Structures are given as C-alpha cells and as structure tokens.
Amino acid sequence: MVDLAIRPLRDGDPEIISAAMAALGWNKPVSQYENYLAEQRAGVRSVLVATVDGEYAGYVTVRWESPYEPFEGIPEIQDFNVLPKLRRRGIGGALMDAAEALVAERSPVVGIGVGLYPDYGQAQRMYVRRGYLPDGRGLIYDGRQVPPMETIRNDDSATLMFTKQLR
C-alpha cells in the first residue's frame, strides 16, 4: 500500500518539482514554483502537492481570482500535473478532490480550462467524468474567445473552459 499525502506547497518544493518536470522534457523553471510559493503566501493562489511514500508525485493550483474574465468571482483550478509514471493510480483524483474541497469553502462554483491537443486527453475525460461542463463560450486562446473562422495555433494557450457546481 502506498502512502499518498496531499499538502500545501512549501520551501524546498520548487527545486524538486522543477527538476521532475525537466526530467520529462517540460520547461517549468524553478522560478515558476517560487512565484507560486509567493502567491500562496499572499493569498492569491493555493498550491497542493501530492507525495507518494514521501516522494513528489504531482500538484494542482487554485487561482482565487481567475484571469479569465467570464469567471469573475469564480476560483479557477490551474496547472494540474501528475507525473506520467504515477498516473491512473488515483493521485490526480485525490488532488482534484482536495482542490475542489478547498474551493467549496469559499465558492459554490469552480472553473477550469483544458488544452485541446492529445496530451490533454486524459484531463479532458477526467473533467467531464467529474461533472465539469463547458462554459459555452467555445474556443478560448490566451483568455480570449476565438471568433468563427479565425485561425489559431493549437498550443497550451488554446483551451475550452469548464465550470462545476460544488454546492
């Protein structure tokens, strides 16, 4: 039996998480997680870190004021990652449960965005299974609704936005 724990981001985590992401070929510098730590201390963002048997496994953040204008007043779950070798073991679900419980203390609704290319396929399916519904605004790029017939690049900035009733 594995020992899964979920706790807030703390000093020392930025280096560990960044190194784990770099090992996957993902560009997530230490500064990103140091910024998350500063935002957590300022009350702008909460960051939950999952560990399995004491080792880093994944994280999720809650941005208390979403930059996505239609989510005015709705906290947004952002930057959700579980190490690929540890996926499909309930870690992501536990992180999402913890993030949703945290948001439910302050808001009856939570928002989330998901990328459109295949790397996000598991997340897309997970969010729908968890009861997230599209916000109905269609394709969003860098937080802006994409008008019909406009061409965009299918990268991390292209998303669909979802919401879920928590209570």
Foldseek 3Di string as FASTA:
>chain_A
DKDKDKDWDDPPVLVQVCVLCVVVVHHDHSVNVVVQVVCVVVVQKTKMFMDINNHTFWIKMKGQADPQVVCGRAIEIDDTDGRPVCPPVCNSVVRVVVVLVVRVVPDQKHKYKFADDPVRVVVVVVCVVVAWDFPPLPWFFQSHRDDPPDDDDRDRRIITMTMHGND
